[in-house]
């Protein structure tokens, strides 16, 4: 019984992460199309904030959901040709970011349960995840012939900056909503 219940919860976490990624990707394209540095690299990328929050809350299963959401967005954007390339990029964005999160938590001395995670840690975590996933994604772009090594540092920096800015915006929105909820709850 507990195994079935855990699988339902894990599935719900994955599906929710996928849907949130897809929604934030569409919202980012609609609101922030002007912030595109080059195709696939945005100077403000809200889905990275959704990804970070999902990974912090849902861990491995959120990474699976983000991977699925990224894959769906890539297929929608580029069509079904080159599915292996799209799958590799999706895995880099979902599980690559999760591995970067685990590495940052270990380096920063954060417990695997995140019980000692404080708001002051969030910019460092956002930077580490942004750099890790950007480096891996851009290496894949080069490996698949979509980019050249000469552009690697510039594109990693631009993508990481967009990821960090998007993450910080989402963190501020969530913290603001939590503060508003607490204030309205105390008033009631």
N, C-alpha and C. Protein backbone atom coordinates (compact mmCIF):
# COMPACT_ATOMS: atom_id res chain seq x y z
N UNK A 1 0.82 -1.20 0.00
CA UNK A 1 0.00 0.00 0.00
C UNK A 1 0.86 1.26 0.00
N UNK A 2 1.90 1.30 0.86
CA UNK A 2 2.77 2.48 0.93
C UNK A 2 3.52 2.67 -0.38
N UNK A 3 3.92 1.58 -1.02
CA UNK A 3 4.64 1.67 -2.29
C UNK A 3 3.76 2.32 -3.35
N UNK A 4 2.50 1.93 -3.42
CA UNK A 4 1.58 2.51 -4.39
C UNK A 4 1.36 3.99 -4.10
N UNK A 5 1.20 4.34 -2.85
CA UNK A 5 1.00 5.72 -2.46
C UNK A 5 2.22 6.57 -2.82
N UNK A 6 3.44 6.06 -2.55
CA UNK A 6 4.66 6.79 -2.90
C UNK A 6 4.78 6.97 -4.40
N UNK A 7 4.42 5.96 -5.16
CA UNK A 7 4.50 6.08 -6.62
C UNK A 7 3.52 7.12 -7.13
N UNK A 8 2.35 7.20 -6.54
CA UNK A 8 1.38 8.22 -6.94
C UNK A 8 1.92 9.61 -6.64
N UNK A 9 2.50 9.78 -5.46
CA UNK A 9 3.06 11.08 -5.09
C UNK A 9 4.22 11.44 -6.00
N UNK A 10 5.12 10.47 -6.25
CA UNK A 10 6.25 10.72 -7.13
C UNK A 10 5.80 11.07 -8.54
N UNK A 11 4.79 10.36 -9.02
CA UNK A 11 4.23 10.66 -10.34
C UNK A 11 3.61 12.04 -10.38
N UNK A 12 2.92 12.41 -9.31
CA UNK A 12 2.31 13.73 -9.24
C UNK A 12 3.38 14.82 -9.21
N UNK A 13 4.46 14.59 -8.49
CA UNK A 13 5.57 15.56 -8.46
C UNK A 13 6.14 15.72 -9.87
N UNK A 14 6.37 14.61 -10.56
CA UNK A 14 6.95 14.65 -11.91
C UNK A 14 6.02 15.37 -12.88
N UNK A 15 4.75 15.04 -12.87
CA UNK A 15 3.79 15.66 -13.79
C UNK A 15 3.65 17.15 -13.47
N UNK A 16 3.59 17.49 -12.19
CA UNK A 16 3.48 18.91 -11.81
C UNK A 16 4.71 19.69 -12.26
N UNK A 17 5.89 19.12 -12.05
CA UNK A 17 7.12 19.80 -12.50
C UNK A 17 7.13 19.98 -14.01
N UNK A 18 6.70 18.96 -14.74
CA UNK A 18 6.65 19.06 -16.21
C UNK A 18 5.69 20.16 -16.65
N UNK A 19 4.50 20.18 -16.06
CA UNK A 19 3.50 21.18 -16.45
C UNK A 19 3.94 22.60 -16.06
N UNK A 20 4.55 22.74 -14.90
CA UNK A 20 5.06 24.06 -14.50
C UNK A 20 6.17 24.53 -15.42
N UNK A 21 7.04 23.60 -15.82
CA UNK A 21 8.10 23.97 -16.76
C UNK A 21 7.50 24.45 -18.08
N UNK A 22 6.55 23.67 -18.62
CA UNK A 22 5.93 24.02 -19.91
C UNK A 22 5.24 25.38 -19.81
N UNK A 23 4.47 25.59 -18.74
CA UNK A 23 3.78 26.86 -18.55
C UNK A 23 4.78 28.02 -18.45
N UNK A 24 5.84 27.85 -17.65
CA UNK A 24 6.81 28.93 -17.49
C UNK A 24 7.59 29.18 -18.77
N UNK A 25 7.83 28.13 -19.56
CA UNK A 25 8.52 28.29 -20.84
C UNK A 25 7.66 29.13 -21.80
N UNK A 26 6.36 28.81 -21.85
CA UNK A 26 5.45 29.58 -22.71
C UNK A 26 5.34 31.02 -22.23
N UNK A 27 5.25 31.21 -20.93
CA UNK A 27 5.18 32.55 -20.35
C UNK A 27 6.45 33.34 -20.65
N UNK A 28 7.60 32.68 -20.53
CA UNK A 28 8.88 33.34 -20.82
C UNK A 28 8.95 33.76 -22.28
N UNK A 29 8.52 32.89 -23.18
CA UNK A 29 8.52 33.24 -24.61
C UNK A 29 7.58 34.40 -24.90
N UNK A 30 6.47 34.45 -24.20
CA UNK A 30 5.48 35.49 -24.43
C UNK A 30 5.93 36.83 -23.84
N UNK A 31 6.40 36.82 -22.60
CA UNK A 31 6.75 38.07 -21.91
C UNK A 31 8.17 38.56 -22.19
N UNK A 32 9.09 37.63 -22.37
CA UNK A 32 10.51 38.01 -22.39
C UNK A 32 11.23 37.59 -23.67
N UNK A 33 10.52 37.58 -24.78
CA UNK A 33 11.14 37.20 -26.05
C UNK A 33 12.30 38.15 -26.40
N UNK A 34 12.21 39.39 -25.97
CA UNK A 34 13.26 40.37 -26.24
C UNK A 34 14.58 40.04 -25.56
N UNK A 35 14.55 39.18 -24.56
CA UNK A 35 15.75 38.86 -23.78
C UNK A 35 16.49 37.64 -24.32
N UNK A 36 16.21 37.26 -25.57
CA UNK A 36 16.91 36.11 -26.15
C UNK A 36 18.26 36.57 -26.70
N UNK A 37 19.32 35.94 -26.21
CA UNK A 37 20.69 36.26 -26.64
C UNK A 37 20.98 35.61 -27.98
N UNK A 38 20.79 34.33 -28.05
CA UNK A 38 20.85 33.54 -29.28
C UNK A 38 19.80 32.45 -29.13
N UNK A 39 19.46 31.74 -30.19
CA UNK A 39 18.46 30.67 -30.04
C UNK A 39 18.88 29.68 -28.95
N UNK A 40 18.00 29.49 -27.99
CA UNK A 40 18.26 28.58 -26.89
C UNK A 40 18.92 29.21 -25.68
N UNK A 41 19.29 30.50 -25.78
CA UNK A 41 19.95 31.19 -24.66
C UNK A 41 19.21 32.50 -24.39
N UNK A 42 18.64 32.60 -23.18
CA UNK A 42 17.87 33.78 -22.78
C UNK A 42 18.58 34.48 -21.63
N UNK A 43 18.58 35.80 -21.66
CA UNK A 43 19.23 36.57 -20.61
C UNK A 43 18.36 36.67 -19.35
N UNK A 44 17.09 36.37 -19.48
CA UNK A 44 16.17 36.21 -18.36
C UNK A 44 15.36 34.96 -18.68
N UNK A 45 15.50 33.92 -17.88
CA UNK A 45 14.85 32.64 -18.18
C UNK A 45 14.09 32.15 -16.96
N UNK A 46 12.80 32.48 -16.91
CA UNK A 46 11.96 32.12 -15.77
C UNK A 46 11.85 30.61 -15.52
N UNK A 47 11.84 29.76 -16.56
CA UNK A 47 11.76 28.33 -16.27
C UNK A 47 12.90 27.81 -15.40
N UNK A 48 14.04 28.47 -15.42
CA UNK A 48 15.13 28.01 -14.55
C UNK A 48 14.76 28.19 -13.08
N UNK A 49 14.01 29.23 -12.77
CA UNK A 49 13.54 29.43 -11.41
C UNK A 49 12.52 28.37 -11.01
N UNK A 50 11.63 28.04 -11.94
CA UNK A 50 10.67 26.96 -11.69
C UNK A 50 11.42 25.66 -11.48
N UNK A 51 12.42 25.43 -12.31
CA UNK A 51 13.23 24.20 -12.19
C UNK A 51 13.91 24.14 -10.84
N UNK A 52 14.54 25.24 -10.42
CA UNK A 52 15.25 25.25 -9.14
C UNK A 52 14.30 24.97 -7.97
N UNK A 53 13.17 25.65 -7.95
CA UNK A 53 12.21 25.44 -6.86
C UNK A 53 11.66 24.02 -6.90
N UNK A 54 11.37 23.51 -8.10
CA UNK A 54 10.87 22.14 -8.21
C UNK A 54 11.92 21.14 -7.71
N UNK A 55 13.18 21.35 -8.09
CA UNK A 55 14.24 20.44 -7.66
C UNK A 55 14.45 20.50 -6.15
N UNK A 56 14.36 21.68 -5.58
CA UNK A 56 14.51 21.81 -4.13
C UNK A 56 13.38 21.10 -3.39
N UNK A 57 12.18 21.14 -3.95
CA UNK A 57 11.02 20.54 -3.29
C UNK A 57 10.88 19.06 -3.63
N UNK A 58 11.04 18.72 -4.92
CA UNK A 58 10.71 17.37 -5.37
C UNK A 58 11.88 16.47 -5.69
N UNK A 59 13.11 16.98 -5.67
CA UNK A 59 14.29 16.16 -5.89
C UNK A 59 14.30 15.40 -7.20
N UNK A 60 14.63 14.12 -7.13
CA UNK A 60 14.79 13.28 -8.31
C UNK A 60 13.54 13.28 -9.19
N UNK A 61 12.37 13.16 -8.57
CA UNK A 61 11.14 13.08 -9.36
C UNK A 61 10.82 14.40 -10.03
N UNK A 62 11.18 15.50 -9.42
CA UNK A 62 11.03 16.80 -10.08
C UNK A 62 11.98 16.90 -11.27
N UNK A 63 13.19 16.35 -11.11
CA UNK A 63 14.14 16.34 -12.23
C UNK A 63 13.57 15.54 -13.40
N UNK A 64 12.92 14.42 -13.09
CA UNK A 64 12.27 13.62 -14.16
C UNK A 64 11.18 14.44 -14.83
N UNK A 65 10.39 15.15 -14.04
CA UNK A 65 9.34 15.98 -14.62
C UNK A 65 9.87 17.13 -15.45
N UNK A 66 10.91 17.79 -14.95
CA UNK A 66 11.52 18.89 -15.71
C UNK A 66 12.07 18.35 -17.03
N UNK A 67 12.71 17.18 -16.97
CA UNK A 67 13.23 16.57 -18.20
C UNK A 67 12.11 16.34 -19.20
N UNK A 68 10.99 15.82 -18.73
CA UNK A 68 9.84 15.59 -19.61
C UNK A 68 9.30 16.90 -20.17
N UNK A 69 9.18 17.91 -19.32
CA UNK A 69 8.70 19.21 -19.76
C UNK A 69 9.61 19.86 -20.79
N UNK A 70 10.92 19.79 -20.54
CA UNK A 70 11.90 20.35 -21.48
C UNK A 70 11.79 19.62 -22.82
N UNK A 71 11.70 18.29 -22.76
CA UNK A 71 11.60 17.51 -23.99
C UNK A 71 10.37 17.92 -24.80
N UNK A 72 9.23 18.07 -24.13
CA UNK A 72 8.01 18.48 -24.83
C UNK A 72 8.17 19.85 -25.47
N UNK A 73 8.78 20.79 -24.75
CA UNK A 73 9.00 22.13 -25.30
C UNK A 73 9.96 22.11 -26.48
N UNK A 74 11.01 21.29 -26.39
CA UNK A 74 11.98 21.20 -27.49
C UNK A 74 11.35 20.57 -28.72
N UNK A 75 10.54 19.54 -28.54
CA UNK A 75 9.86 18.91 -29.69
C UNK A 75 8.90 19.90 -30.32
N UNK A 76 8.19 20.66 -29.49
CA UNK A 76 7.26 21.67 -30.01
C UNK A 76 8.03 22.75 -30.78
N UNK A 77 9.17 23.17 -30.25
CA UNK A 77 9.93 24.26 -30.86
C UNK A 77 10.70 23.83 -32.11
N UNK A 78 11.31 22.62 -32.08
CA UNK A 78 12.18 22.20 -33.17
C UNK A 78 11.61 21.07 -34.03
N UNK A 79 10.46 20.53 -33.66
CA UNK A 79 9.88 19.42 -34.40
C UNK A 79 10.49 18.10 -33.98
N UNK A 80 9.92 17.01 -34.48
CA UNK A 80 10.35 15.69 -34.02
C UNK A 80 11.66 15.18 -34.63
N UNK A 81 12.31 15.98 -35.48
CA UNK A 81 13.57 15.50 -36.05
C UNK A 81 14.68 15.63 -35.03
N UNK A 82 15.57 14.65 -35.00
CA UNK A 82 16.68 14.66 -34.06
C UNK A 82 16.25 14.42 -32.63
N UNK A 83 15.39 13.44 -32.41
CA UNK A 83 14.88 13.17 -31.06
C UNK A 83 15.99 12.82 -30.08
N UNK A 84 17.05 12.15 -30.54
CA UNK A 84 18.16 11.83 -29.64
C UNK A 84 18.82 13.09 -29.10
N UNK A 85 19.01 14.07 -29.98
CA UNK A 85 19.60 15.35 -29.58
C UNK A 85 18.68 16.06 -28.59
N UNK A 86 17.40 16.08 -28.88
CA UNK A 86 16.45 16.75 -28.00
C UNK A 86 16.37 16.04 -26.64
N UNK A 87 16.42 14.72 -26.66
CA UNK A 87 16.39 13.96 -25.40
C UNK A 87 17.64 14.25 -24.57
N UNK A 88 18.79 14.33 -25.21
CA UNK A 88 20.03 14.63 -24.48
C UNK A 88 19.98 16.02 -23.87
N UNK A 89 19.46 16.99 -24.62
CA UNK A 89 19.34 18.35 -24.09
C UNK A 89 18.34 18.40 -22.93
N UNK A 90 17.26 17.63 -23.04
CA UNK A 90 16.27 17.58 -21.96
C UNK A 90 16.86 16.97 -20.70
N UNK A 91 17.62 15.90 -20.85
CA UNK A 91 18.26 15.26 -19.70
C UNK A 91 19.26 16.23 -19.06
N UNK A 92 20.00 16.96 -19.89
CA UNK A 92 20.96 17.94 -19.36
C UNK A 92 20.24 19.02 -18.55
N UNK A 93 19.09 19.45 -19.02
CA UNK A 93 18.35 20.50 -18.31
C UNK A 93 17.67 19.99 -17.05
N UNK A 94 17.22 18.76 -17.05
CA UNK A 94 16.55 18.22 -15.87
C UNK A 94 17.51 17.57 -14.90
N UNK A 95 18.13 16.47 -15.31
CA UNK A 95 19.01 15.73 -14.41
C UNK A 95 20.37 16.38 -14.26
N UNK A 96 20.84 17.09 -15.29
CA UNK A 96 22.10 17.83 -15.15
C UNK A 96 21.98 18.92 -14.08
N UNK A 97 20.84 19.61 -14.09
CA UNK A 97 20.59 20.62 -13.06
C UNK A 97 20.46 19.98 -11.69
N UNK A 98 19.86 18.80 -11.63
CA UNK A 98 19.72 18.09 -10.34
C UNK A 98 21.10 17.70 -9.79
N UNK A 99 21.97 17.20 -10.67
CA UNK A 99 23.33 16.86 -10.24
C UNK A 99 24.10 18.10 -9.79
N UNK A 100 23.89 19.21 -10.51
CA UNK A 100 24.53 20.47 -10.10
C UNK A 100 24.01 20.91 -8.74
N UNK A 101 22.72 20.73 -8.50
CA UNK A 101 22.15 21.07 -7.19
C UNK A 101 22.76 20.22 -6.09
N UNK A 102 22.89 18.92 -6.34
CA UNK A 102 23.50 18.04 -5.34
C UNK A 102 24.94 18.45 -5.06
N UNK A 103 25.68 18.82 -6.11
CA UNK A 103 27.07 19.24 -5.93
C UNK A 103 27.16 20.53 -5.13
N UNK A 104 26.31 21.50 -5.45
CA UNK A 104 26.32 22.78 -4.73
C UNK A 104 25.96 22.55 -3.27
N UNK A 105 24.97 21.71 -3.02
CA UNK A 105 24.58 21.44 -1.63
C UNK A 105 25.72 20.79 -0.86
N UNK A 106 26.42 19.89 -1.51
CA UNK A 106 27.54 19.24 -0.83
C UNK A 106 28.66 20.24 -0.54
N UNK A 107 28.99 21.06 -1.53
CA UNK A 107 30.06 22.06 -1.36
C UNK A 107 29.69 23.08 -0.29
N UNK A 108 28.40 23.48 -0.26
CA UNK A 108 27.95 24.49 0.70
C UNK A 108 27.66 23.91 2.08
N UNK A 109 27.78 22.60 2.21
CA UNK A 109 27.53 21.97 3.50
C UNK A 109 26.06 21.86 3.85
N UNK A 110 25.20 21.85 2.84
CA UNK A 110 23.76 21.71 3.08
C UNK A 110 23.41 20.24 3.19
N UNK A 111 22.57 19.93 4.14
CA UNK A 111 22.15 18.54 4.37
C UNK A 111 21.33 18.05 3.18
N UNK A 112 21.39 16.75 2.87
CA UNK A 112 20.57 16.20 1.77
C UNK A 112 19.07 16.47 1.96
N UNK A 113 18.64 16.57 3.21
CA UNK A 113 17.23 16.87 3.49
C UNK A 113 16.92 18.36 3.36
N UNK A 114 17.96 19.17 3.14
CA UNK A 114 17.87 20.64 3.04
C UNK A 114 17.35 21.29 4.32
N UNK A 115 17.45 20.59 5.45
CA UNK A 115 16.96 21.13 6.70
C UNK A 115 17.71 22.39 7.14
N UNK A 116 18.95 22.55 6.68
CA UNK A 116 19.72 23.74 7.04
C UNK A 116 19.78 24.77 5.90
N UNK A 117 18.95 24.60 4.89
CA UNK A 117 18.87 25.58 3.80
C UNK A 117 18.19 26.85 4.32
N UNK A 118 18.82 27.97 4.10
CA UNK A 118 18.29 29.27 4.52
C UNK A 118 18.20 30.17 3.29
N UNK A 119 17.39 31.23 3.37
CA UNK A 119 17.28 32.15 2.22
C UNK A 119 18.62 32.68 1.72
N UNK A 120 19.57 32.84 2.62
CA UNK A 120 20.88 33.36 2.23
C UNK A 120 21.61 32.39 1.29
N UNK A 121 21.28 31.11 1.34
CA UNK A 121 21.91 30.11 0.48
C UNK A 121 21.35 30.12 -0.95
N UNK A 122 20.15 30.64 -1.13
CA UNK A 122 19.46 30.50 -2.42
C UNK A 122 20.20 31.14 -3.60
N UNK A 123 20.80 32.34 -3.45
CA UNK A 123 21.55 32.87 -4.60
C UNK A 123 22.75 31.98 -4.98
N UNK A 124 23.44 31.43 -3.99
CA UNK A 124 24.56 30.53 -4.26
C UNK A 124 24.07 29.27 -4.97
N UNK A 125 22.97 28.72 -4.51
CA UNK A 125 22.40 27.52 -5.13
C UNK A 125 21.97 27.85 -6.56
N UNK A 126 21.32 28.99 -6.75
CA UNK A 126 20.89 29.40 -8.10
C UNK A 126 22.10 29.55 -9.03
N UNK A 127 23.17 30.16 -8.53
CA UNK A 127 24.38 30.33 -9.34
C UNK A 127 25.00 28.98 -9.70
N UNK A 128 25.12 28.10 -8.73
CA UNK A 128 25.72 26.79 -9.00
C UNK A 128 24.92 25.96 -9.98
N UNK A 129 23.61 25.94 -9.81
CA UNK A 129 22.76 25.17 -10.73
C UNK A 129 22.77 25.83 -12.11
N UNK A 130 22.74 27.15 -12.15
CA UNK A 130 22.78 27.85 -13.43
C UNK A 130 24.08 27.59 -14.19
N UNK A 131 25.20 27.66 -13.50
CA UNK A 131 26.49 27.39 -14.14
C UNK A 131 26.61 25.94 -14.59
N UNK A 132 26.21 25.02 -13.71
CA UNK A 132 26.33 23.59 -14.05
C UNK A 132 25.48 23.19 -15.23
N UNK A 133 24.22 23.59 -15.22
CA UNK A 133 23.35 23.19 -16.33
C UNK A 133 23.71 23.93 -17.61
N UNK A 134 24.16 25.18 -17.50
CA UNK A 134 24.56 25.94 -18.69
C UNK A 134 25.81 25.36 -19.33
N UNK A 135 26.77 24.98 -18.50
CA UNK A 135 28.00 24.39 -19.05
C UNK A 135 27.70 23.09 -19.77
N UNK A 136 26.86 22.25 -19.18
CA UNK A 136 26.52 20.97 -19.81
C UNK A 136 25.70 21.17 -21.09
N UNK A 137 24.71 22.04 -21.03
CA UNK A 137 23.87 22.29 -22.20
C UNK A 137 24.68 22.84 -23.37
N UNK A 138 25.55 23.81 -23.10
CA UNK A 138 26.35 24.38 -24.18
C UNK A 138 27.39 23.40 -24.71
N UNK A 139 27.91 22.52 -23.86
CA UNK A 139 28.80 21.47 -24.35
C UNK A 139 28.04 20.53 -25.30
N UNK A 140 26.80 20.25 -24.98
CA UNK A 140 25.98 19.43 -25.88
C UNK A 140 25.70 20.15 -27.19
N UNK A 141 25.41 21.45 -27.12
CA UNK A 141 25.22 22.23 -28.36
C UNK A 141 26.44 22.08 -29.27
N UNK A 142 27.61 22.17 -28.69
CA UNK A 142 28.84 22.03 -29.48
C UNK A 142 28.98 20.60 -29.99
N UNK A 143 28.72 19.64 -29.12
CA UNK A 143 28.82 18.23 -29.52
C UNK A 143 27.89 17.87 -30.65
N UNK A 144 26.73 18.49 -30.69
CA UNK A 144 25.76 18.21 -31.75
C UNK A 144 25.94 19.12 -32.96
N UNK A 145 26.99 19.94 -32.95
CA UNK A 145 27.29 20.79 -34.10
C UNK A 145 26.41 22.02 -34.20
N UNK A 146 25.76 22.40 -33.13
CA UNK A 146 24.90 23.57 -33.14
C UNK A 146 25.66 24.84 -32.77
N UNK A 147 26.90 24.70 -32.31
CA UNK A 147 27.68 25.84 -31.88
C UNK A 147 29.17 25.50 -32.02
N UNK A 148 30.02 26.49 -31.81
CA UNK A 148 31.47 26.32 -31.91
C UNK A 148 32.11 26.57 -30.54
N UNK A 149 33.28 25.96 -30.32
CA UNK A 149 33.99 26.13 -29.05
C UNK A 149 34.35 27.59 -28.79
N UNK A 150 34.55 28.39 -29.83
CA UNK A 150 34.91 29.79 -29.64
C UNK A 150 33.83 30.55 -28.88
N UNK A 151 32.60 30.10 -28.98
CA UNK A 151 31.48 30.78 -28.34
C UNK A 151 31.14 30.22 -26.97
N UNK A 152 31.84 29.18 -26.54
CA UNK A 152 31.44 28.43 -25.35
C UNK A 152 31.37 29.30 -24.10
N UNK A 153 32.43 30.03 -23.80
CA UNK A 153 32.46 30.82 -22.56
C UNK A 153 31.39 31.90 -22.58
N UNK A 154 31.26 32.59 -23.72
CA UNK A 154 30.24 33.64 -23.83
C UNK A 154 28.84 33.06 -23.65
N UNK A 155 28.57 31.95 -24.30
CA UNK A 155 27.23 31.37 -24.23
C UNK A 155 26.93 30.75 -22.86
N UNK A 156 27.92 30.16 -22.23
CA UNK A 156 27.71 29.64 -20.87
C UNK A 156 27.43 30.81 -19.93
N UNK A 157 28.20 31.89 -20.06
CA UNK A 157 27.99 33.05 -19.19
C UNK A 157 26.61 33.66 -19.40
N UNK A 158 26.20 33.80 -20.67
CA UNK A 158 24.88 34.38 -20.96
C UNK A 158 23.76 33.48 -20.46
N UNK A 159 23.88 32.18 -20.69
CA UNK A 159 22.84 31.25 -20.25
C UNK A 159 22.79 31.18 -18.73
N UNK A 160 23.94 31.12 -18.09
CA UNK A 160 23.98 31.07 -16.62
C UNK A 160 23.40 32.35 -16.03
N UNK A 161 23.73 33.49 -16.63
CA UNK A 161 23.16 34.76 -16.14
C UNK A 161 21.64 34.74 -16.26
N UNK A 162 21.13 34.29 -17.39
CA UNK A 162 19.68 34.19 -17.56
C UNK A 162 19.04 33.24 -16.58
N UNK A 163 19.72 32.12 -16.32
CA UNK A 163 19.21 31.15 -15.35
C UNK A 163 19.20 31.74 -13.94
N UNK A 164 20.27 32.43 -13.57
CA UNK A 164 20.35 33.01 -12.22
C UNK A 164 19.30 34.11 -12.06
N UNK A 165 19.18 34.98 -13.05
CA UNK A 165 18.18 36.06 -12.97
C UNK A 165 16.78 35.47 -12.90
N UNK A 166 16.48 34.49 -13.75
CA UNK A 166 15.17 33.85 -13.71
C UNK A 166 14.91 33.17 -12.38
N UNK A 167 15.93 32.52 -11.84
CA UNK A 167 15.79 31.85 -10.54
C UNK A 167 15.54 32.87 -9.43
N UNK A 168 16.29 33.95 -9.43
CA UNK A 168 16.12 34.96 -8.39
C UNK A 168 14.75 35.63 -8.47
N UNK A 169 14.26 35.86 -9.68
CA UNK A 169 12.91 36.42 -9.84
C UNK A 169 11.87 35.48 -9.26
N UNK A 170 11.98 34.18 -9.58
CA UNK A 170 11.01 33.21 -9.06
C UNK A 170 11.13 33.07 -7.54
N UNK A 171 12.34 33.09 -7.02
CA UNK A 171 12.53 33.00 -5.56
C UNK A 171 11.88 34.21 -4.89
N UNK A 172 12.09 35.41 -5.45
CA UNK A 172 11.49 36.60 -4.86
C UNK A 172 9.97 36.55 -4.93
N UNK A 173 9.42 36.05 -6.04
CA UNK A 173 7.97 35.92 -6.15
C UNK A 173 7.41 34.96 -5.10
N UNK A 174 8.05 33.82 -4.95
CA UNK A 174 7.58 32.84 -3.97
C UNK A 174 7.71 33.39 -2.55
N UNK A 175 8.84 34.01 -2.24
CA UNK A 175 9.03 34.57 -0.90
C UNK A 175 8.02 35.69 -0.63
N UNK A 176 7.74 36.50 -1.65
CA UNK A 176 6.73 37.55 -1.50
C UNK A 176 5.35 36.98 -1.27
N UNK A 177 5.00 35.92 -2.01
CA UNK A 177 3.69 35.28 -1.81
C UNK A 177 3.59 34.65 -0.42
N UNK A 178 4.67 34.04 0.05
CA UNK A 178 4.66 33.46 1.40
C UNK A 178 4.50 34.54 2.46
N UNK A 179 5.18 35.66 2.28
CA UNK A 179 5.07 36.77 3.24
C UNK A 179 3.65 37.31 3.23
N UNK A 180 3.07 37.48 2.06
CA UNK A 180 1.69 37.97 1.95
C UNK A 180 0.72 37.00 2.60
N UNK A 181 0.94 35.72 2.40
CA UNK A 181 0.08 34.69 3.00
C UNK A 181 0.17 34.75 4.52
N UNK A 182 1.39 34.90 5.05
CA UNK A 182 1.56 34.98 6.51
C UNK A 182 0.89 36.22 7.09
N UNK A 183 1.03 37.34 6.39
CA UNK A 183 0.45 38.61 6.88
C UNK A 183 -1.08 38.51 6.86
N UNK A 184 -1.65 38.00 5.78
CA UNK A 184 -3.10 37.89 5.71
C UNK A 184 -3.62 36.83 6.68
N UNK A 185 -2.85 35.83 6.96
CA UNK A 185 -3.25 34.79 7.90
C UNK A 185 -3.26 35.32 9.34
N UNK A 186 -2.27 36.17 9.67
CA UNK A 186 -2.23 36.78 11.00
C UNK A 186 -3.38 37.74 11.20
N UNK A 187 -3.74 38.45 10.13
CA UNK A 187 -4.82 39.44 10.23
C UNK A 187 -6.18 38.78 10.42
N UNK A 188 -6.31 37.55 9.95
CA UNK A 188 -7.61 36.87 10.05
C UNK A 188 -7.91 36.28 11.38
